[in-house]
Structure formats: C-alpha cells, structure tokens
PDB file of all heavy atoms in Angstrom:
ATOM      1  N   GLU A   1      85.916  87.054  97.702  1.00  0.00           N
ATOM      2  CA  GLU A   1      86.838  88.093  97.313  1.00  0.00           C
ATOM      3  C   GLU A   1      86.197  89.160  96.423  1.00  0.00           C
ATOM      4  O   GLU A   1      85.443  88.879  95.558  1.00  0.00           O
ATOM      5  CB  GLU A   1      88.053  87.439  96.559  1.00  0.00           C
ATOM      6  CG  GLU A   1      87.679  86.450  95.415  1.00  0.00           C
ATOM      7  CD  GLU A   1      87.396  87.220  94.101  1.00  0.00           C
ATOM      8  OE1 GLU A   1      88.240  88.013  93.736  1.00  0.00           O
ATOM      9  OE2 GLU A   1      86.273  87.001  93.582  1.00  0.00           O
ATOM     10  N   ASN A   2      86.499  90.411  96.832  1.00  0.00           N
ATOM     11  CA  ASN A   2      85.880  91.595  96.166  1.00  0.00           C
ATOM     12  C   ASN A   2      86.538  92.817  96.582  1.00  0.00           C
ATOM     13  O   ASN A   2      87.362  92.868  97.583  1.00  0.00           O
ATOM     14  CB  ASN A   2      84.376  91.708  96.596  1.00  0.00           C
ATOM     15  CG  ASN A   2      83.432  91.092  95.571  1.00  0.00           C
ATOM     16  OD1 ASN A   2      83.420  91.434  94.400  1.00  0.00           O
ATOM     17  ND2 ASN A   2      82.639  90.156  95.989  1.00  0.00           N
ATOM     18  N   PRO A   3      86.366  93.990  95.914  1.00  0.00           N
ATOM     19  CA  PRO A   3      86.941  95.246  96.335  1.00  0.00           C
ATOM     20  C   PRO A   3      86.303  95.705  97.691  1.00  0.00           C
ATOM     21  O   PRO A   3      85.249  95.237  98.045  1.00  0.00           O
ATOM     22  CB  PRO A   3      86.531  96.212  95.174  1.00  0.00           C
ATOM     23  CG  PRO A   3      86.187  95.352  94.024  1.00  0.00           C
ATOM     24  CD  PRO A   3      85.656  94.106  94.623  1.00  0.00           C
ATOM     25  N   LEU A   4      87.031  96.600  98.378  1.00  0.00           N
ATOM     26  CA  LEU A   4      86.516  97.021  99.681  1.00  0.00           C
ATOM     27  C   LEU A   4      85.189  97.638  99.599  1.00  0.00           C
ATOM     28  O   LEU A   4      84.345  97.552 100.512  1.00  0.00           O
ATOM     29  CB  LEU A   4      87.558  98.029 100.198  1.00  0.00           C
ATOM     30  CG  LEU A   4      88.923  97.560 100.555  1.00  0.00           C
ATOM     31  CD1 LEU A   4      89.744  98.638 101.228  1.00  0.00           C
ATOM     32  CD2 LEU A   4      88.917  96.357 101.462  1.00  0.00           C
ATOM     33  N   SER A   5      84.817  98.324  98.419  1.00  0.00           N
ATOM     34  CA  SER A   5      83.548  98.932  98.362  1.00  0.00           C
ATOM     35  C   SER A   5      82.389  97.990  98.430  1.00  0.00           C
ATOM     36  O   SER A   5      81.390  98.267  99.103  1.00  0.00           O
ATOM     37  CB  SER A   5      83.505  99.729  96.960  1.00  0.00           C
ATOM     38  OG  SER A   5      83.739  98.919  95.890  1.00  0.00           O
ATOM     39  N   LEU A   6      82.600  96.815  97.789  1.00  0.00           N
ATOM     40  CA  LEU A   6      81.556  95.750  97.835  1.00  0.00           C
ATOM     41  C   LEU A   6      81.522  95.027  99.186  1.00  0.00           C
ATOM     42  O   LEU A   6      80.422  94.681  99.767  1.00  0.00           O
ATOM     43  CB  LEU A   6      81.664  94.757  96.702  1.00  0.00           C
ATOM     44  CG  LEU A   6      81.229  95.270  95.363  1.00  0.00           C
ATOM     45  CD1 LEU A   6      81.450  94.239  94.302  1.00  0.00           C
ATOM     46  CD2 LEU A   6      79.678  95.596  95.387  1.00  0.00           C
ATOM     47  N   ILE A   7      82.683  94.892  99.804  1.00  0.00           N
ATOM     48  CA  ILE A   7      82.778  94.326 101.121  1.00  0.00           C
ATOM     49  C   ILE A   7      82.005  95.132 102.110  1.00  0.00           C
ATOM     50  O   ILE A   7      81.263  94.641 102.902  1.00  0.00           O
ATOM     51  CB  ILE A   7      84.218  94.177 101.620  1.00  0.00           C
ATOM     52  CG1 ILE A   7      84.996  93.158 100.679  1.00  0.00           C
ATOM     53  CG2 ILE A   7      84.314  93.728 103.028  1.00  0.00           C
ATOM     54  CD1 ILE A   7      86.471  93.093 100.868  1.00  0.00           C
ATOM     55  N   GLU A   8      82.146  96.437 101.984  1.00  0.00           N
ATOM     56  CA  GLU A   8      81.362  97.366 102.815  1.00  0.00           C
ATOM     57  C   GLU A   8      79.877  97.344 102.575  1.00  0.00           C
ATOM     58  O   GLU A   8      79.071  97.154 103.430  1.00  0.00           O
ATOM     59  CB  GLU A   8      81.923  98.823 102.759  1.00  0.00           C
ATOM     60  CG  GLU A   8      81.169  99.789 103.661  1.00  0.00           C
ATOM     61  CD  GLU A   8      81.343 101.216 103.333  1.00  0.00           C
ATOM     62  OE1 GLU A   8      81.293 101.564 102.152  1.00  0.00           O
ATOM     63  OE2 GLU A   8      81.553 102.066 104.259  1.00  0.00           O
ATOM     64  N   SER A   9      79.562  97.556 101.257  1.00  0.00           N
ATOM     65  CA  SER A   9      78.109  97.713 100.966  1.00  0.00           C
ATOM     66  C   SER A   9      77.310  96.434 101.202  1.00  0.00           C
ATOM     67  O   SER A   9      76.098  96.434 101.451  1.00  0.00           O
ATOM     68  CB  SER A   9      77.929  98.110  99.535  1.00  0.00           C
ATOM     69  OG  SER A   9      78.422  97.209  98.629  1.00  0.00           O
ATOM     70  N   ALA A  10      77.951  95.253 101.153  1.00  0.00           N
ATOM     71  CA  ALA A  10      77.296  93.960 101.404  1.00  0.00           C
ATOM     72  C   ALA A  10      77.380  93.554 102.857  1.00  0.00           C
ATOM     73  O   ALA A  10      76.851  92.519 103.199  1.00  0.00           O
ATOM     74  CB  ALA A  10      78.014  92.861 100.581  1.00  0.00           C
ATOM     75  N   SER A  11      77.946  94.388 103.632  1.00  0.00           N
ATOM     76  CA  SER A  11      78.050  94.175 105.156  1.00  0.00           C
ATOM     77  C   SER A  11      78.636  92.825 105.461  1.00  0.00           C
ATOM     78  O   SER A  11      78.318  92.092 106.429  1.00  0.00           O
ATOM     79  CB  SER A  11      76.649  94.186 105.775  1.00  0.00           C
ATOM     80  OG  SER A  11      76.018  95.394 105.531  1.00  0.00           O
ATOM     81  N   PHE A  12      79.696  92.471 104.751  1.00  0.00           N
ATOM     82  CA  PHE A  12      80.432  91.200 104.931  1.00  0.00           C
ATOM     83  C   PHE A  12      81.139  91.231 106.341  1.00  0.00           C
ATOM     84  O   PHE A  12      81.507  90.210 106.854  1.00  0.00           O
ATOM     85  CB  PHE A  12      81.413  90.901 103.845  1.00  0.00           C
ATOM     86  CG  PHE A  12      80.727  90.442 102.567  1.00  0.00           C
ATOM     87  CD1 PHE A  12      81.314  90.780 101.378  1.00  0.00           C
ATOM     88  CD2 PHE A  12      79.638  89.724 102.569  1.00  0.00           C
ATOM     89  CE1 PHE A  12      80.698  90.371 100.195  1.00  0.00           C
ATOM     90  CE2 PHE A  12      78.955  89.265 101.371  1.00  0.00           C
ATOM     91  CZ  PHE A  12      79.573  89.617 100.175  1.00  0.00           C
ATOM     92  N   ASN A  13      81.317  92.403 106.916  1.00  0.00           N
ATOM     93  CA  ASN A  13      81.944  92.535 108.250  1.00  0.00           C
ATOM     94  C   ASN A  13      81.096  91.785 109.340  1.00  0.00           C
ATOM     95  O   ASN A  13      81.629  91.425 110.363  1.00  0.00           O
ATOM     96  CB  ASN A  13      82.026  94.024 108.692  1.00  0.00           C
ATOM     97  CG  ASN A  13      80.716  94.757 108.666  1.00  0.00           C
ATOM     98  OD1 ASN A  13      80.223  95.086 107.593  1.00  0.00           O
ATOM     99  ND2 ASN A  13      80.139  95.001 109.827  1.00  0.00           N
ATOM    100  N   GLU A  14      79.808  91.607 109.018  1.00  0.00           N
ATOM    101  CA  GLU A  14      78.931  90.873 109.946  1.00  0.00           C
ATOM    102  C   GLU A  14      79.213  89.397 109.924  1.00  0.00           C
ATOM    103  O   GLU A  14      78.836  88.642 110.809  1.00  0.00           O
ATOM    104  CB  GLU A  14      77.453  91.146 109.624  1.00  0.00           C
ATOM    105  CG  GLU A  14      77.086  92.652 109.750  1.00  0.00           C
ATOM    106  CD  GLU A  14      75.622  92.858 109.388  1.00  0.00           C
ATOM    107  OE1 GLU A  14      74.836  91.897 109.222  1.00  0.00           O
ATOM    108  OE2 GLU A  14      75.274  94.084 109.259  1.00  0.00           O
ATOM    109  N   VAL A  15      79.790  88.834 108.884  1.00  0.00           N
ATOM    110  CA  VAL A  15      79.982  87.400 108.711  1.00  0.00           C
ATOM    111  C   VAL A  15      81.481  87.038 108.437  1.00  0.00           C
ATOM    112  O   VAL A  15      81.775  85.802 108.275  1.00  0.00           O
ATOM    113  CB  VAL A  15      79.079  86.799 107.664  1.00  0.00           C
ATOM    114  CG1 VAL A  15      77.646  86.773 108.189  1.00  0.00           C
ATOM    115  CG2 VAL A  15      79.178  87.592 106.388  1.00  0.00           C
ATOM    116  N   GLN A  16      82.343  88.013 108.376  1.00  0.00           N
ATOM    117  CA  GLN A  16      83.744  87.717 108.165  1.00  0.00           C
ATOM    118  C   GLN A  16      84.626  88.588 109.078  1.00  0.00           C
ATOM    119  O   GLN A  16      84.349  89.726 109.311  1.00  0.00           O
ATOM    120  CB  GLN A  16      84.170  88.005 106.643  1.00  0.00           C
ATOM    121  CG  GLN A  16      83.416  87.234 105.648  1.00  0.00           C
ATOM    122  CD  GLN A  16      84.077  85.938 105.258  1.00  0.00           C
ATOM    123  OE1 GLN A  16      84.832  85.837 104.308  1.00  0.00           O
ATOM    124  NE2 GLN A  16      83.876  84.907 106.037  1.00  0.00           N
ATOM    125  N   ASP A  17      85.751  87.971 109.536  1.00  0.00           N
ATOM    126  CA  ASP A  17      86.593  88.685 110.516  1.00  0.00           C
ATOM    127  C   ASP A  17      87.819  89.381 109.928  1.00  0.00           C
ATOM    128  O   ASP A  17      88.256  90.330 110.438  1.00  0.00           O
ATOM    129  CB  ASP A  17      87.132  87.665 111.563  1.00  0.00           C
ATOM    130  CG  ASP A  17      85.961  87.010 112.413  1.00  0.00           C
ATOM    131  OD1 ASP A  17      84.955  87.743 112.598  1.00  0.00           O
ATOM    132  OD2 ASP A  17      86.128  85.901 112.836  1.00  0.00           O
ATOM    133  N   TYR A  18      88.278  88.826 108.797  1.00  0.00           N
ATOM    134  CA  TYR A  18      89.548  89.334 108.228  1.00  0.00           C
ATOM    135  C   TYR A  18      89.454  89.785 106.847  1.00  0.00           C
ATOM    136  O   TYR A  18      88.654  89.258 106.030  1.00  0.00           O
ATOM    137  CB  TYR A  18      90.651  88.220 108.223  1.00  0.00           C
ATOM    138  CG  TYR A  18      90.976  87.701 109.627  1.00  0.00           C
ATOM    139  CD1 TYR A  18      90.354  86.616 110.161  1.00  0.00           C
ATOM    140  CD2 TYR A  18      91.901  88.472 110.414  1.00  0.00           C
ATOM    141  CE1 TYR A  18      90.685  86.150 111.448  1.00  0.00           C
ATOM    142  CE2 TYR A  18      92.185  88.021 111.752  1.00  0.00           C
ATOM    143  CZ  TYR A  18      91.531  86.888 112.257  1.00  0.00           C
ATOM    144  OH  TYR A  18      91.918  86.427 113.517  1.00  0.00           O
ATOM    145  N   VAL A  19      90.113  90.912 106.528  1.00  0.00           N
ATOM    146  CA  VAL A  19      90.400  91.306 105.139  1.00  0.00           C
ATOM    147  C   VAL A  19      91.904  91.058 104.864  1.00  0.00           C
ATOM    148  O   VAL A  19      92.723  91.672 105.387  1.00  0.00           O
ATOM    149  CB  VAL A  19      90.118  92.829 104.885  1.00  0.00           C
ATOM    150  CG1 VAL A  19      90.481  93.180 103.479  1.00  0.00           C
ATOM    151  CG2 VAL A  19      88.648  93.156 105.189  1.00  0.00           C
ATOM    152  N   ASN A  20      92.094  90.004 104.042  1.00  0.00           N
ATOM    153  CA  ASN A  20      93.535  89.610 103.692  1.00  0.00           C
ATOM    154  C   ASN A  20      93.839  90.495 102.384  1.00  0.00           C
ATOM    155  O   ASN A  20      93.268  90.319 101.377  1.00  0.00           O
ATOM    156  CB  ASN A  20      93.505  88.184 103.413  1.00  0.00           C
ATOM    157  CG  ASN A  20      93.007  87.368 104.568  1.00  0.00           C
ATOM    158  OD1 ASN A  20      93.622  87.220 105.602  1.00  0.00           O
ATOM    159  ND2 ASN A  20      91.764  86.888 104.450  1.00  0.00           N
ATOM    160  N   VAL A  21      94.898  91.255 102.581  1.00  0.00           N
ATOM    161  CA  VAL A  21      95.206  92.242 101.529  1.00  0.00           C
ATOM    162  C   VAL A  21      96.022  91.524 100.407  1.00  0.00           C
ATOM    163  O   VAL A  21      97.257  91.718 100.299  1.00  0.00           O
ATOM    164  CB  VAL A  21      95.973  93.482 102.089  1.00  0.00           C
ATOM    165  CG1 VAL A  21      96.141  94.582 101.042  1.00  0.00           C
ATOM    166  CG2 VAL A  21      95.245  94.060 103.324  1.00  0.00           C
ATOM    167  N   THR A  22      95.237  90.800  99.622  1.00  0.00           N
ATOM    168  CA  THR A  22      95.860  90.050  98.503  1.00  0.00           C
ATOM    169  C   THR A  22      96.142  90.908  97.275  1.00  0.00           C
ATOM    170  O   THR A  22      97.007  90.692  96.395  1.00  0.00           O
ATOM    171  CB  THR A  22      94.948  88.863  98.129  1.00  0.00           C
ATOM    172  OG1 THR A  22      93.645  89.361  97.975  1.00  0.00           O
ATOM    173  CG2 THR A  22      95.040  87.797  99.140  1.00  0.00           C
ATOM    174  N   ASP A  23      95.308  91.927  97.081  1.00  0.00           N
ATOM    175  CA  ASP A  23      95.371  92.830  95.895  1.00  0.00           C
ATOM    176  C   ASP A  23      95.456  91.975  94.573  1.00  0.00           C
ATOM    177  O   ASP A  23      96.224  92.254  93.654  1.00  0.00           O
ATOM    178  CB  ASP A  23      96.596  93.739  95.951  1.00  0.00           C
ATOM    179  CG  ASP A  23      96.415  94.852  97.022  1.00  0.00           C
ATOM    180  OD1 ASP A  23      95.354  95.036  97.527  1.00  0.00           O
ATOM    181  OD2 ASP A  23      97.458  95.538  97.259  1.00  0.00           O
ATOM    182  N   HIS A  24      94.733  90.872  94.516  1.00  0.00           N
ATOM    183  CA  HIS A  24      94.996  89.862  93.476  1.00  0.00           C
ATOM    184  C   HIS A  24      94.447  90.337  92.101  1.00  0.00           C
ATOM    185  O   HIS A  24      94.984  89.807  91.087  1.00  0.00           O
ATOM    186  CB  HIS A  24      94.389  88.508  93.875  1.00  0.00           C
ATOM    187  CG  HIS A  24      92.916  88.569  94.207  1.00  0.00           C
ATOM    188  ND1 HIS A  24      92.510  88.880  95.514  1.00  0.00           N
ATOM    189  CD2 HIS A  24      91.867  88.260  93.555  1.00  0.00           C
ATOM    190  CE1 HIS A  24      91.234  88.836  95.551  1.00  0.00           C
ATOM    191  NE2 HIS A  24      90.744  88.461  94.397  1.00  0.00           N
ATOM    192  N   VAL A  25      93.539  91.276  92.102  1.00  0.00           N
ATOM    193  CA  VAL A  25      93.215  91.781  90.732  1.00  0.00           C
ATOM    194  C   VAL A  25      93.223  93.303  90.963  1.00  0.00           C
ATOM    195  O   VAL A  25      92.443  93.884  91.635  1.00  0.00           O
ATOM    196  CB  VAL A  25      91.775  91.324  90.331  1.00  0.00           C
ATOM    197  CG1 VAL A  25      91.485  92.047  89.029  1.00  0.00           C
ATOM    198  CG2 VAL A  25      91.803  89.836  90.046  1.00  0.00           C
ATOM    199  N   ARG A  26      94.115  93.962  90.187  1.00  0.00           N
ATOM    200  CA  ARG A  26      94.140  95.381  90.076  1.00  0.00           C
ATOM    201  C   ARG A  26      93.685  95.703  88.654  1.00  0.00           C
ATOM    202  O   ARG A  26      94.150  95.148  87.700  1.00  0.00           O
ATOM    203  CB  ARG A  26      95.573  95.929  90.211  1.00  0.00           C
ATOM    204  CG  ARG A  26      96.012  95.883  91.715  1.00  0.00           C
ATOM    205  CD  ARG A  26      97.382  96.556  91.858  1.00  0.00           C
ATOM    206  NE  ARG A  26      97.802  96.631  93.185  1.00  0.00           N
ATOM    207  CZ  ARG A  26      97.527  97.588  94.066  1.00  0.00           C
ATOM    208  NH1 ARG A  26      96.744  98.615  93.655  1.00  0.00           N
ATOM    209  NH2 ARG A  26      97.899  97.585  95.247  1.00  0.00           N
ATOM    210  N   SER A  27      92.684  96.577  88.533  1.00  0.00           N
ATOM    211  CA  SER A  27      92.128  96.778  87.195  1.00  0.00           C
ATOM    212  C   SER A  27      91.670  98.240  87.050  1.00  0.00           C
ATOM    213  O   SER A  27      91.700  99.019  88.014  1.00  0.00           O
ATOM    214  CB  SER A  27      90.953  95.809  86.989  1.00  0.00           C
ATOM    215  OG  SER A  27      89.934  96.080  87.912  1.00  0.00           O
ATOM    216  N   TRP A  28      91.232  98.533  85.842  1.00  0.00           N
ATOM    217  CA  TRP A  28      90.764  99.885  85.625  1.00  0.00           C
ATOM    218  C   TRP A  28      89.525  99.784  84.733  1.00  0.00           C
ATOM    219  O   TRP A  28      89.163  98.633  84.244  1.00  0.00           O
ATOM    220  CB  TRP A  28      91.824 100.774  84.946  1.00  0.00           C
ATOM    221  CG  TRP A  28      92.136 100.424  83.552  1.00  0.00           C
ATOM    222  CD1 TRP A  28      91.637 101.117  82.398  1.00  0.00           C
ATOM    223  CD2 TRP A  28      93.015  99.450  83.010  1.00  0.00           C
ATOM    224  NE1 TRP A  28      92.172 100.552  81.243  1.00  0.00           N
ATOM    225  CE2 TRP A  28      93.064  99.529  81.608  1.00  0.00           C
ATOM    226  CE3 TRP A  28      93.805  98.465  83.602  1.00  0.00           C
ATOM    227  CZ2 TRP A  28      93.777  98.664  80.701  1.00  0.00           C
ATOM    228  CZ3 TRP A  28      94.568  97.592  82.812  1.00  0.00           C
ATOM    229  CH2 TRP A  28      94.562  97.702  81.406  1.00  0.00           C
ATOM    230  N   ILE A  29      88.874 100.918  84.552  1.00  0.00           N
ATOM    231  CA  ILE A  29      87.671 100.925  83.711  1.00  0.00           C
ATOM    232  C   ILE A  29      87.677 102.158  82.830  1.00  0.00           C
ATOM    233  O   ILE A  29      88.330 103.168  83.188  1.00  0.00           O
ATOM    234  CB  ILE A  29      86.424 100.906  84.684  1.00  0.00           C
ATOM    235  CG1 ILE A  29      85.137 100.426  83.924  1.00  0.00           C
ATOM    236  CG2 ILE A  29      86.196 102.232  85.334  1.00  0.00           C
ATOM    237  CD1 ILE A  29      84.063  99.876  84.841  1.00  0.00           C
ATOM    238  N   TYR A  30      87.117 102.125  81.712  1.00  0.00           N
ATOM    239  CA  TYR A  30      87.113 103.273  80.782  1.00  0.00           C
ATOM    240  C   TYR A  30      85.801 103.958  80.721  1.00  0.00           C
ATOM    241  O   TYR A  30      84.735 103.365  80.874  1.00  0.00           O
ATOM    242  CB  TYR A  30      87.367 102.793  79.295  1.00  0.00           C
ATOM    243  CG  TYR A  30      88.824 102.425  78.953  1.00  0.00           C
ATOM    244  CD1 TYR A  30      89.118 101.157  78.572  1.00  0.00           C
ATOM    245  CD2 TYR A  30      89.820 103.347  79.067  1.00  0.00           C
ATOM    246  CE1 TYR A  30      90.465 100.847  78.274  1.00  0.00           C
ATOM    247  CE2 TYR A  30      91.198 103.062  78.787  1.00  0.00           C
ATOM    248  CZ  TYR A  30      91.413 101.804  78.375  1.00  0.00           C
ATOM    249  OH  TYR A  30      92.786 101.420  78.140  1.00  0.00           O
ATOM    250  N   VAL A  31      85.845 105.294  80.535  1.00  0.00           N
ATOM    251  CA  VAL A  31      84.639 106.064  80.052  1.00  0.00           C
ATOM    252  C   VAL A  31      84.795 106.034  78.529  1.00  0.00           C
ATOM    253  O   VAL A  31      85.867 106.511  78.023  1.00  0.00           O
ATOM    254  CB  VAL A  31      84.679 107.501  80.628  1.00  0.00           C
ATOM    255  CG1 VAL A  31      83.424 108.212  80.052  1.00  0.00           C
ATOM    256  CG2 VAL A  31      84.587 107.387  82.148  1.00  0.00           C
ATOM    257  N   VAL A  32      83.804 105.591  77.884  1.00  0.00           N
ATOM    258  CA  VAL A  32      83.843 105.566  76.334  1.00  0.00           C
ATOM    259  C   VAL A  32      82.676 106.340  75.775  1.00  0.00           C
ATOM    260  O   VAL A  32      81.624 106.520  76.384  1.00  0.00           O
ATOM    261  CB  VAL A  32      83.737 104.100  75.864  1.00  0.00           C
ATOM    262  CG1 VAL A  32      84.890 103.291  76.350  1.00  0.00           C
ATOM    263  CG2 VAL A  32      82.432 103.414  76.264  1.00  0.00           C
ATOM    264  N   ILE A  33      82.950 106.849  74.565  1.00  0.00           N
ATOM    265  CA  ILE A  33      81.915 107.475  73.824  1.00  0.00           C
ATOM    266  C   ILE A  33      81.829 106.832  72.386  1.00  0.00           C
ATOM    267  O   ILE A  33      82.874 106.318  71.894  1.00  0.00           O
ATOM    268  CB  ILE A  33      82.262 109.031  73.676  1.00  0.00           C
ATOM    269  CG1 ILE A  33      81.097 109.705  72.942  1.00  0.00           C
ATOM    270  CG2 ILE A  33      83.568 109.242  72.932  1.00  0.00           C
ATOM    271  CD1 ILE A  33      81.312 111.299  73.016  1.00  0.00           C
TER     272      ILE A  33
END
C-alpha cells in the first residue's frame, strides 16, 4: 500500500494487477521555516 506516485515510480504495475481505491490514509505535509 502506497500513494499512486510511488506505485508508478516503483513500477508495481509489473507485479500487481489491481489498485484497490481504499484511500486508507489521507494526509498532508507542511512547509516550515
């Protein structure tokens, strides 16, 4: 389980058939100073 960006960059399409849209972790990130 990972975001689509990592699924693509890791080429998991070569070894996995399905993306099950669980959306199990929705999160955000901060830019901090």
